[in-house]
């Protein structure tokens, strides 16, 4: 899909980077929730925080000579967060279901 969107190969690494960041944030927020913290659902918060980190990364690039802020990167960063956190959450739910029988 990203090839068809014209996203260069180097930018496709954002899928891995921000996907991993999203899952790590999701797991950390789930742990906080298990320990009594309140706030938005961990999956939602992880997606927002990961997307914000991607936006911050793009804003930093905007001031570095030779780099540009690319709106497609903002989209790919958010897509990576949504995809990875959704997949992690879905796999967790499926494992829980399988354990119950």
PDB file of N, CA and C in Angstrom:
ATOM      1  N   UNK A   1       0.828  -1.187   0.000  1.00  0.00           N
ATOM      2  CA  UNK A   1       0.000   0.000   0.000  1.00  0.00           C
ATOM      3  C   UNK A   1       0.873   1.253   0.000  1.00  0.00           C
ATOM      4  N   UNK A   2       1.926   1.231   0.822  1.00  0.00           N
ATOM      5  CA  UNK A   2       2.783   2.412   0.902  1.00  0.00           C
ATOM      6  C   UNK A   2       3.560   2.650  -0.382  1.00  0.00           C
ATOM      7  N   UNK A   3       3.911   1.567  -1.087  1.00  0.00           N
ATOM      8  CA  UNK A   3       4.583   1.726  -2.375  1.00  0.00           C
ATOM      9  C   UNK A   3       3.641   2.425  -3.349  1.00  0.00           C
ATOM     10  N   UNK A   4       2.390   2.009  -3.340  1.00  0.00           N
ATOM     11  CA  UNK A   4       1.396   2.624  -4.229  1.00  0.00           C
ATOM     12  C   UNK A   4       1.145   4.087  -3.881  1.00  0.00           C
ATOM     13  N   UNK A   5       1.272   4.435  -2.598  1.00  0.00           N
ATOM     14  CA  UNK A   5       1.095   5.823  -2.183  1.00  0.00           C
ATOM     15  C   UNK A   5       2.292   6.688  -2.542  1.00  0.00           C
ATOM     16  N   UNK A   6       3.363   6.042  -3.016  1.00  0.00           N
ATOM     17  CA  UNK A   6       4.551   6.782  -3.403  1.00  0.00           C
ATOM     18  C   UNK A   6       5.449   7.123  -2.228  1.00  0.00           C
ATOM     19  N   UNK A   7       5.323   6.381  -1.131  1.00  0.00           N
ATOM     20  CA  UNK A   7       6.167   6.633   0.034  1.00  0.00           C
ATOM     21  C   UNK A   7       7.523   5.973  -0.208  1.00  0.00           C
ATOM     22  N   UNK A   8       8.607   6.761  -0.182  1.00  0.00           N
ATOM     23  CA  UNK A   8       9.942   6.202  -0.439  1.00  0.00           C
ATOM     24  C   UNK A   8      10.320   5.129   0.578  1.00  0.00           C
ATOM     25  N   UNK A   9      11.233   4.247   0.189  1.00  0.00           N
ATOM     26  CA  UNK A   9      11.658   3.143   1.042  1.00  0.00           C
ATOM     27  C   UNK A   9      12.181   3.578   2.389  1.00  0.00           C
ATOM     28  N   UNK A  10      12.968   4.627   2.436  1.00  0.00           N
ATOM     29  CA  UNK A  10      13.521   5.098   3.709  1.00  0.00           C
ATOM     30  C   UNK A  10      12.409   5.534   4.649  1.00  0.00           C
ATOM     31  N   UNK A  11      11.358   6.121   4.106  1.00  0.00           N
ATOM     32  CA  UNK A  11      10.249   6.565   4.943  1.00  0.00           C
ATOM     33  C   UNK A  11       9.387   5.405   5.421  1.00  0.00           C
ATOM     34  N   UNK A  12       9.447   4.287   4.708  1.00  0.00           N
ATOM     35  CA  UNK A  12       8.661   3.129   5.146  1.00  0.00           C
ATOM     36  C   UNK A  12       9.222   2.527   6.426  1.00  0.00           C
ATOM     37  N   UNK A  13      10.470   2.863   6.769  1.00  0.00           N
ATOM     38  CA  UNK A  13      11.013   2.385   8.042  1.00  0.00           C
ATOM     39  C   UNK A  13      10.247   2.998   9.205  1.00  0.00           C
ATOM     40  N   UNK A  14       9.539   4.093   8.950  1.00  0.00           N
ATOM     41  CA  UNK A  14       8.717   4.706   9.985  1.00  0.00           C
ATOM     42  C   UNK A  14       7.659   3.725  10.483  1.00  0.00           C
ATOM     43  N   UNK A  15       7.194   2.833   9.618  1.00  0.00           N
ATOM     44  CA  UNK A  15       6.209   1.835  10.040  1.00  0.00           C
ATOM     45  C   UNK A  15       6.760   1.000  11.180  1.00  0.00           C
ATOM     46  N   UNK A  16       7.985   0.551  11.040  1.00  0.00           N
ATOM     47  CA  UNK A  16       8.595  -0.246  12.104  1.00  0.00           C
ATOM     48  C   UNK A  16       8.867   0.610  13.335  1.00  0.00           C
ATOM     49  N   UNK A  17       9.501   1.751  13.140  1.00  0.00           N
ATOM     50  CA  UNK A  17       9.913   2.594  14.265  1.00  0.00           C
ATOM     51  C   UNK A  17       8.717   3.056  15.095  1.00  0.00           C
ATOM     52  N   UNK A  18       7.730   3.620  14.454  1.00  0.00           N
ATOM     53  CA  UNK A  18       6.588   4.148  15.189  1.00  0.00           C
ATOM     54  C   UNK A  18       5.615   3.045  15.590  1.00  0.00           C
ATOM     55  N   UNK A  19       5.625   1.938  14.874  1.00  0.00           N
ATOM     56  CA  UNK A  19       4.847   0.776  15.316  1.00  0.00           C
ATOM     57  C   UNK A  19       5.401   0.232  16.624  1.00  0.00           C
ATOM     58  N   UNK A  20       6.717   0.085  16.686  1.00  0.00           N
ATOM     59  CA  UNK A  20       7.357  -0.394  17.911  1.00  0.00           C
ATOM     60  C   UNK A  20       7.125   0.589  19.056  1.00  0.00           C
ATOM     61  N   UNK A  21       7.294   1.875  18.794  1.00  0.00           N
ATOM     62  CA  UNK A  21       7.062   2.884  19.822  1.00  0.00           C
ATOM     63  C   UNK A  21       5.614   2.817  20.318  1.00  0.00           C
ATOM     64  N   UNK A  22       4.682   2.646  19.411  1.00  0.00           N
ATOM     65  CA  UNK A  22       3.272   2.555  19.786  1.00  0.00           C
ATOM     66  C   UNK A  22       2.986   1.366  20.685  1.00  0.00           C
ATOM     67  N   UNK A  23       3.542   0.203  20.336  1.00  0.00           N
ATOM     68  CA  UNK A  23       3.319  -0.998  21.156  1.00  0.00           C
ATOM     69  C   UNK A  23       3.974  -0.843  22.524  1.00  0.00           C
ATOM     70  N   UNK A  24       5.179  -0.280  22.566  1.00  0.00           N
ATOM     71  CA  UNK A  24       5.840  -0.070  23.858  1.00  0.00           C
ATOM     72  C   UNK A  24       5.031   0.892  24.735  1.00  0.00           C
ATOM     73  N   UNK A  25       4.518   1.962  24.138  1.00  0.00           N
ATOM     74  CA  UNK A  25       3.683   2.889  24.907  1.00  0.00           C
ATOM     75  C   UNK A  25       2.398   2.208  25.373  1.00  0.00           C
ATOM     76  N   UNK A  26       1.808   1.429  24.504  1.00  0.00           N
ATOM     77  CA  UNK A  26       0.580   0.706  24.849  1.00  0.00           C
ATOM     78  C   UNK A  26       0.812  -0.216  26.043  1.00  0.00           C
ATOM     79  N   UNK A  27       1.886  -0.977  26.001  1.00  0.00           N
ATOM     80  CA  UNK A  27       2.178  -1.896  27.105  1.00  0.00           C
ATOM     81  C   UNK A  27       2.468  -1.132  28.398  1.00  0.00           C
ATOM     82  N   UNK A  28       3.189  -0.028  28.307  1.00  0.00           N
ATOM     83  CA  UNK A  28       3.482   0.771  29.500  1.00  0.00           C
ATOM     84  C   UNK A  28       2.204   1.356  30.085  1.00  0.00           C
ATOM     85  N   UNK A  29       1.324   1.839  29.228  1.00  0.00           N
ATOM     86  CA  UNK A  29       0.062   2.412  29.706  1.00  0.00           C
ATOM     87  C   UNK A  29      -0.865   1.344  30.269  1.00  0.00           C
ATOM     88  N   UNK A  30      -0.839   0.152  29.704  1.00  0.00           N
ATOM     89  CA  UNK A  30      -1.615  -0.962  30.263  1.00  0.00           C
ATOM     90  C   UNK A  30      -1.112  -1.310  31.660  1.00  0.00           C
ATOM     91  N   UNK A  31       0.197  -1.321  31.827  1.00  0.00           N
ATOM     92  CA  UNK A  31       0.783  -1.611  33.134  1.00  0.00           C
ATOM     93  C   UNK A  31       0.362  -0.551  34.155  1.00  0.00           C
ATOM     94  N   UNK A  32       0.405   0.698  33.750  1.00  0.00           N
ATOM     95  CA  UNK A  32      -0.029   1.775  34.653  1.00  0.00           C
ATOM     96  C   UNK A  32      -1.497   1.595  35.025  1.00  0.00           C
ATOM     97  N   UNK A  33      -2.318   1.216  34.064  1.00  0.00           N
ATOM     98  CA  UNK A  33      -3.748   1.003  34.321  1.00  0.00           C
ATOM     99  C   UNK A  33      -3.941  -0.138  35.317  1.00  0.00           C
ATOM    100  N   UNK A  34      -3.169  -1.231  35.156  1.00  0.00           N
ATOM    101  CA  UNK A  34      -3.263  -2.359  36.088  1.00  0.00           C
ATOM    102  C   UNK A  34      -2.857  -1.947  37.503  1.00  0.00           C
ATOM    103  N   UNK A  35      -2.003  -0.941  37.611  1.00  0.00           N
ATOM    104  CA  UNK A  35      -1.541  -0.476  38.912  1.00  0.00           C
ATOM    105  C   UNK A  35      -2.384   0.673  39.461  1.00  0.00           C
ATOM    106  N   UNK A  36      -3.543   0.914  38.861  1.00  0.00           N
ATOM    107  CA  UNK A  36      -4.485   1.873  39.420  1.00  0.00           C
ATOM    108  C   UNK A  36      -4.519   3.247  38.794  1.00  0.00           C
ATOM    109  N   UNK A  37      -3.707   3.506  37.792  1.00  0.00           N
ATOM    110  CA  UNK A  37      -3.729   4.825  37.147  1.00  0.00           C
ATOM    111  C   UNK A  37      -5.039   4.999  36.382  1.00  0.00           C
ATOM    112  N   UNK A  38      -5.479   6.233  36.298  1.00  0.00           N
ATOM    113  CA  UNK A  38      -6.682   6.530  35.533  1.00  0.00           C
ATOM    114  C   UNK A  38      -6.303   7.327  34.294  1.00  0.00           C
ATOM    115  N   UNK A  39      -7.249   7.465  33.407  1.00  0.00           N
ATOM    116  CA  UNK A  39      -7.003   8.211  32.182  1.00  0.00           C
ATOM    117  C   UNK A  39      -7.706   7.556  31.018  1.00  0.00           C
ATOM    118  N   UNK A  40      -7.393   8.015  29.826  1.00  0.00           N
ATOM    119  CA  UNK A  40      -8.036   7.435  28.648  1.00  0.00           C
ATOM    120  C   UNK A  40      -7.604   5.981  28.458  1.00  0.00           C
ATOM    121  N   UNK A  41      -8.348   5.230  27.669  1.00  0.00           N
ATOM    122  CA  UNK A  41      -7.960   3.833  27.409  1.00  0.00           C
ATOM    123  C   UNK A  41      -6.520   3.758  26.887  1.00  0.00           C
ATOM    124  N   UNK A  42      -5.752   2.774  27.342  1.00  0.00           N
ATOM    125  CA  UNK A  42      -4.333   2.686  26.949  1.00  0.00           C
ATOM    126  C   UNK A  42      -4.100   2.671  25.436  1.00  0.00           C
ATOM    127  N   UNK A  43      -4.942   1.970  24.687  1.00  0.00           N
ATOM    128  CA  UNK A  43      -4.736   1.912  23.233  1.00  0.00           C
ATOM    129  C   UNK A  43      -4.896   3.303  22.610  1.00  0.00           C
ATOM    130  N   UNK A  44      -5.932   4.003  23.013  1.00  0.00           N
ATOM    131  CA  UNK A  44      -6.182   5.343  22.485  1.00  0.00           C
ATOM    132  C   UNK A  44      -5.036   6.287  22.848  1.00  0.00           C
ATOM    133  N   UNK A  45      -4.628   6.257  24.110  1.00  0.00           N
ATOM    134  CA  UNK A  45      -3.545   7.133  24.570  1.00  0.00           C
ATOM    135  C   UNK A  45      -2.238   6.809  23.856  1.00  0.00           C
ATOM    136  N   UNK A  46      -1.956   5.522  23.651  1.00  0.00           N
ATOM    137  CA  UNK A  46      -0.719   5.119  22.976  1.00  0.00           C
ATOM    138  C   UNK A  46      -0.690   5.628  21.539  1.00  0.00           C
ATOM    139  N   UNK A  47      -1.813   5.542  20.856  1.00  0.00           N
ATOM    140  CA  UNK A  47      -1.889   6.031  19.472  1.00  0.00           C
ATOM    141  C   UNK A  47      -1.680   7.546  19.433  1.00  0.00           C
ATOM    142  N   UNK A  48      -2.329   8.259  20.347  1.00  0.00           N
ATOM    143  CA  UNK A  48      -2.166   9.719  20.378  1.00  0.00           C
ATOM    144  C   UNK A  48      -0.732  10.113  20.704  1.00  0.00           C
ATOM    145  N   UNK A  49      -0.142   9.479  21.710  1.00  0.00           N
ATOM    146  CA  UNK A  49       1.225   9.822  22.110  1.00  0.00           C
ATOM    147  C   UNK A  49       2.235   9.485  21.010  1.00  0.00           C
ATOM    148  N   UNK A  50       2.054   8.345  20.365  1.00  0.00           N
ATOM    149  CA  UNK A  50       2.965   7.953  19.289  1.00  0.00           C
ATOM    150  C   UNK A  50       2.830   8.897  18.098  1.00  0.00           C
ATOM    151  N   UNK A  51       1.609   9.260  17.766  1.00  0.00           N
ATOM    152  CA  UNK A  51       1.397  10.210  16.664  1.00  0.00           C
ATOM    153  C   UNK A  51       1.999  11.565  17.003  1.00  0.00           C
ATOM    154  N   UNK A  52       1.882  11.974  18.268  1.00  0.00           N
ATOM    155  CA  UNK A  52       2.478  13.248  18.700  1.00  0.00           C
ATOM    156  C   UNK A  52       4.004  13.186  18.608  1.00  0.00           C
ATOM    157  N   UNK A  53       4.586  12.050  18.978  1.00  0.00           N
ATOM    158  CA  UNK A  53       6.044  11.893  18.869  1.00  0.00           C
ATOM    159  C   UNK A  53       6.469  11.979  17.402  1.00  0.00           C
ATOM    160  N   UNK A  54       5.687  11.369  16.508  1.00  0.00           N
ATOM    161  CA  UNK A  54       5.985  11.452  15.079  1.00  0.00           C
ATOM    162  C   UNK A  54       5.874  12.869  14.558  1.00  0.00           C
ATOM    163  N   UNK A  55       4.867  13.606  15.036  1.00  0.00           N
ATOM    164  CA  UNK A  55       4.705  15.006  14.620  1.00  0.00           C
ATOM    165  C   UNK A  55       5.865  15.852  15.133  1.00  0.00           C
ATOM    166  N   UNK A  56       6.284  15.595  16.365  1.00  0.00           N
ATOM    167  CA  UNK A  56       7.425  16.331  16.922  1.00  0.00           C
ATOM    168  C   UNK A  56       8.691  16.051  16.113  1.00  0.00           C
ATOM    169  N   UNK A  57       8.881  14.801  15.732  1.00  0.00           N
ATOM    170  CA  UNK A  57      10.027  14.425  14.904  1.00  0.00           C
ATOM    171  C   UNK A  57      10.000  15.187  13.580  1.00  0.00           C
ATOM    172  N   UNK A  58       8.833  15.285  12.988  1.00  0.00           N
ATOM    173  CA  UNK A  58       8.710  16.004  11.718  1.00  0.00           C
ATOM    174  C   UNK A  58       8.959  17.501  11.902  1.00  0.00           C
ATOM    175  N   UNK A  59       8.484  18.068  13.003  1.00  0.00           N
ATOM    176  CA  UNK A  59       8.717  19.490  13.257  1.00  0.00           C
ATOM    177  C   UNK A  59      10.198  19.783  13.453  1.00  0.00           C
ATOM    178  N   UNK A  60      10.905  18.874  14.112  1.00  0.00           N
ATOM    179  CA  UNK A  60      12.351  19.050  14.289  1.00  0.00           C
ATOM    180  C   UNK A  60      13.042  19.019  12.925  1.00  0.00           C
ATOM    181  N   UNK A  61      12.599  18.114  12.061  1.00  0.00           N
ATOM    182  CA  UNK A  61      13.196  18.028  10.727  1.00  0.00           C
ATOM    183  C   UNK A  61      12.978  19.304   9.921  1.00  0.00           C
ATOM    184  N   UNK A  62      11.900  19.998  10.200  1.00  0.00           N
ATOM    185  CA  UNK A  62      11.592  21.219   9.446  1.00  0.00           C
ATOM    186  C   UNK A  62      12.642  22.303   9.660  1.00  0.00           C
ATOM    187  N   UNK A  63      13.354  22.271  10.782  1.00  0.00           N
ATOM    188  CA  UNK A  63      14.354  23.307  11.061  1.00  0.00           C
ATOM    189  C   UNK A  63      15.779  22.844  10.792  1.00  0.00           C
ATOM    190  N   UNK A  64      15.954  21.594  10.404  1.00  0.00           N
ATOM    191  CA  UNK A  64      17.285  21.066  10.091  1.00  0.00           C
ATOM    192  C   UNK A  64      17.564  21.294   8.608  1.00  0.00           C
ATOM    193  N   UNK A  65      18.689  21.950   8.287  1.00  0.00           N
ATOM    194  CA  UNK A  65      19.016  22.181   6.872  1.00  0.00           C
ATOM    195  C   UNK A  65      19.081  20.863   6.086  1.00  0.00           C
ATOM    196  N   UNK A  66      18.476  20.862   4.931  1.00  0.00           N
ATOM    197  CA  UNK A  66      18.488  19.679   4.077  1.00  0.00           C
ATOM    198  C   UNK A  66      17.365  18.700   4.379  1.00  0.00           C
ATOM    199  N   UNK A  67      16.580  18.955   5.400  1.00  0.00           N
ATOM    200  CA  UNK A  67      15.448  18.091   5.750  1.00  0.00           C
ATOM    201  C   UNK A  67      14.169  18.883   5.560  1.00  0.00           C
ATOM    202  N   UNK A  68      13.078  18.193   5.358  1.00  0.00           N
ATOM    203  CA  UNK A  68      11.795  18.868   5.172  1.00  0.00           C
ATOM    204  C   UNK A  68      10.711  18.184   5.999  1.00  0.00           C
ATOM    205  N   UNK A  69       9.703  18.941   6.338  1.00  0.00           N
ATOM    206  CA  UNK A  69       8.517  18.400   6.987  1.00  0.00           C
ATOM    207  C   UNK A  69       7.641  17.829   5.882  1.00  0.00           C
ATOM    208  N   UNK A  70       7.419  16.534   5.909  1.00  0.00           N
ATOM    209  CA  UNK A  70       6.631  15.880   4.873  1.00  0.00           C
ATOM    210  C   UNK A  70       5.306  15.410   5.474  1.00  0.00           C
ATOM    211  N   UNK A  71       4.188  15.948   5.025  1.00  0.00           N
ATOM    212  CA  UNK A  71       2.884  15.537   5.563  1.00  0.00           C
ATOM    213  C   UNK A  71       2.630  14.027   5.420  1.00  0.00           C
ATOM    214  N   UNK A  72       3.200  13.415   4.385  1.00  0.00           N
ATOM    215  CA  UNK A  72       3.036  11.959   4.228  1.00  0.00           C
ATOM    216  C   UNK A  72       3.660  11.213   5.390  1.00  0.00           C
ATOM    217  N   UNK A  73       4.781  11.731   5.905  1.00  0.00           N
ATOM    218  CA  UNK A  73       5.416  11.098   7.059  1.00  0.00           C
ATOM    219  C   UNK A  73       4.520  11.177   8.292  1.00  0.00           C
ATOM    220  N   UNK A  74       3.834  12.295   8.455  1.00  0.00           N
ATOM    221  CA  UNK A  74       2.895  12.415   9.574  1.00  0.00           C
ATOM    222  C   UNK A  74       1.828  11.326   9.469  1.00  0.00           C
ATOM    223  N   UNK A  75       1.322  11.116   8.264  1.00  0.00           N
ATOM    224  CA  UNK A  75       0.311  10.096   8.032  1.00  0.00           C
ATOM    225  C   UNK A  75       0.873   8.693   8.298  1.00  0.00           C
ATOM    226  N   UNK A  76       2.067   8.420   7.782  1.00  0.00           N
ATOM    227  CA  UNK A  76       2.671   7.091   7.952  1.00  0.00           C
ATOM    228  C   UNK A  76       2.969   6.826   9.431  1.00  0.00           C
ATOM    229  N   UNK A  77       3.428   7.825  10.164  1.00  0.00           N
ATOM    230  CA  UNK A  77       3.699   7.659  11.588  1.00  0.00           C
ATOM    231  C   UNK A  77       2.418   7.302  12.343  1.00  0.00           C
ATOM    232  N   UNK A  78       1.345   8.032  12.057  1.00  0.00           N
ATOM    233  CA  UNK A  78       0.066   7.756  12.717  1.00  0.00           C
ATOM    234  C   UNK A  78      -0.471   6.389  12.288  1.00  0.00           C
ATOM    235  N   UNK A  79      -0.339   6.064  11.007  1.00  0.00           N
ATOM    236  CA  UNK A  79      -0.786   4.761  10.511  1.00  0.00           C
ATOM    237  C   UNK A  79      -0.039   3.627  11.204  1.00  0.00           C
ATOM    238  N   UNK A  80       1.249   3.802  11.401  1.00  0.00           N
ATOM    239  CA  UNK A  80       2.053   2.789  12.092  1.00  0.00           C
ATOM    240  C   UNK A  80       1.560   2.597  13.518  1.00  0.00           C
ATOM    241  N   UNK A  81       1.266   3.687  14.199  1.00  0.00           N
ATOM    242  CA  UNK A  81       0.768   3.603  15.578  1.00  0.00           C
ATOM    243  C   UNK A  81      -0.572   2.875  15.618  1.00  0.00           C
ATOM    244  N   UNK A  82      -1.487   3.272  14.752  1.00  0.00           N
ATOM    245  CA  UNK A  82      -2.810   2.650  14.729  1.00  0.00           C
ATOM    246  C   UNK A  82      -2.700   1.161  14.401  1.00  0.00           C
ATOM    247  N   UNK A  83      -1.915   0.828  13.397  1.00  0.00           N
ATOM    248  CA  UNK A  83      -1.787  -0.567  12.972  1.00  0.00           C
ATOM    249  C   UNK A  83      -1.179  -1.445  14.057  1.00  0.00           C
ATOM    250  N   UNK A  84      -0.077  -0.994  14.633  1.00  0.00           N
ATOM    251  CA  UNK A  84       0.619  -1.819  15.615  1.00  0.00           C
ATOM    252  C   UNK A  84      -0.164  -1.954  16.911  1.00  0.00           C
ATOM    253  N   UNK A  85      -0.730  -0.866  17.402  1.00  0.00           N
ATOM    254  CA  UNK A  85      -1.497  -0.927  18.649  1.00  0.00           C
ATOM    255  C   UNK A  85      -2.768  -1.752  18.432  1.00  0.00           C
ATOM    256  N   UNK A  86      -3.412  -1.595  17.296  1.00  0.00           N
ATOM    257  CA  UNK A  86      -4.603  -2.394  16.991  1.00  0.00           C
ATOM    258  C   UNK A  86      -4.272  -3.877  16.909  1.00  0.00           C
ATOM    259  N   UNK A  87      -3.180  -4.199  16.251  1.00  0.00           N
ATOM    260  CA  UNK A  87      -2.771  -5.599  16.132  1.00  0.00           C
ATOM    261  C   UNK A  87      -2.431  -6.181  17.505  1.00  0.00           C
ATOM    262  N   UNK A  88      -1.712  -5.428  18.316  1.00  0.00           N
ATOM    263  CA  UNK A  88      -1.351  -5.897  19.649  1.00  0.00           C
ATOM    264  C   UNK A  88      -2.592  -6.108  20.506  1.00  0.00           C
ATOM    265  N   UNK A  89      -3.497  -5.161  20.467  1.00  0.00           N
ATOM    266  CA  UNK A  89      -4.730  -5.259  21.240  1.00  0.00           C
ATOM    267  C   UNK A  89      -5.586  -6.440  20.778  1.00  0.00           C
ATOM    268  N   UNK A  90      -5.683  -6.637  19.481  1.00  0.00           N
ATOM    269  CA  UNK A  90      -6.466  -7.735  18.923  1.00  0.00           C
ATOM    270  C   UNK A  90      -5.857  -9.083  19.287  1.00  0.00           C
ATOM    271  N   UNK A  91      -4.538  -9.190  19.193  1.00  0.00           N
ATOM    272  CA  UNK A  91      -3.886 -10.455  19.550  1.00  0.00           C
ATOM    273  C   UNK A  91      -4.083 -10.763  21.027  1.00  0.00           C
ATOM    274  N   UNK A  92      -4.015  -9.749  21.872  1.00  0.00           N
ATOM    275  CA  UNK A  92      -4.227  -9.942  23.301  1.00  0.00           C
ATOM    276  C   UNK A  92      -5.648 -10.453  23.557  1.00  0.00           C
ATOM    277  N   UNK A  93      -6.632  -9.856  22.899  1.00  0.00           N
ATOM    278  CA  UNK A  93      -8.026 -10.276  23.060  1.00  0.00           C
ATOM    279  C   UNK A  93      -8.223 -11.708  22.566  1.00  0.00           C
ATOM    280  N   UNK A  94      -7.592 -12.055  21.467  1.00  0.00           N
ATOM    281  CA  UNK A  94      -7.726 -13.421  20.935  1.00  0.00           C
ATOM    282  C   UNK A  94      -7.091 -14.447  21.871  1.00  0.00           C
ATOM    283  N   UNK A  95      -5.929 -14.115  22.433  1.00  0.00           N
ATOM    284  CA  UNK A  95      -5.288 -15.035  23.388  1.00  0.00           C
ATOM    285  C   UNK A  95      -6.167 -15.233  24.613  1.00  0.00           C
ATOM    286  N   UNK A  96      -6.765 -14.156  25.100  1.00  0.00           N
ATOM    287  CA  UNK A  96      -7.650 -14.235  26.257  1.00  0.00           C
ATOM    288  C   UNK A  96      -8.854 -15.127  25.938  1.00  0.00           C
ATOM    289  N   UNK A  97      -9.394 -14.973  24.762  1.00  0.00           N
ATOM    290  CA  UNK A  97     -10.535 -15.785  24.336  1.00  0.00           C
ATOM    291  C   UNK A  97     -10.170 -17.260  24.227  1.00  0.00           C
ATOM    292  N   UNK A  98      -8.997 -17.536  23.682  1.00  0.00           N
ATOM    293  CA  UNK A  98      -8.561 -18.917  23.528  1.00  0.00           C
ATOM    294  C   UNK A  98      -8.314 -19.586  24.891  1.00  0.00           C
ATOM    295  N   UNK A  99      -7.820 -18.825  25.849  1.00  0.00           N
ATOM    296  CA  UNK A  99      -7.597 -19.378  27.188  1.00  0.00           C
ATOM    297  C   UNK A  99      -8.898 -19.756  27.871  1.00  0.00           C
ATOM    298  N   UNK A 100      -9.930 -18.949  27.606  1.00  0.00           N
ATOM    299  CA  UNK A 100     -11.244 -19.235  28.215  1.00  0.00           C
ATOM    300  C   UNK A 100     -11.899 -20.451  27.588  1.00  0.00           C
ATOM    301  N   UNK A 101     -11.468 -20.783  26.382  1.00  0.00           N
ATOM    302  CA  UNK A 101     -12.016 -21.967  25.739  1.00  0.00           C
ATOM    303  C   UNK A 101     -13.033 -21.595  24.760  1.00  0.00           C
TER     304      UNK A 101
END
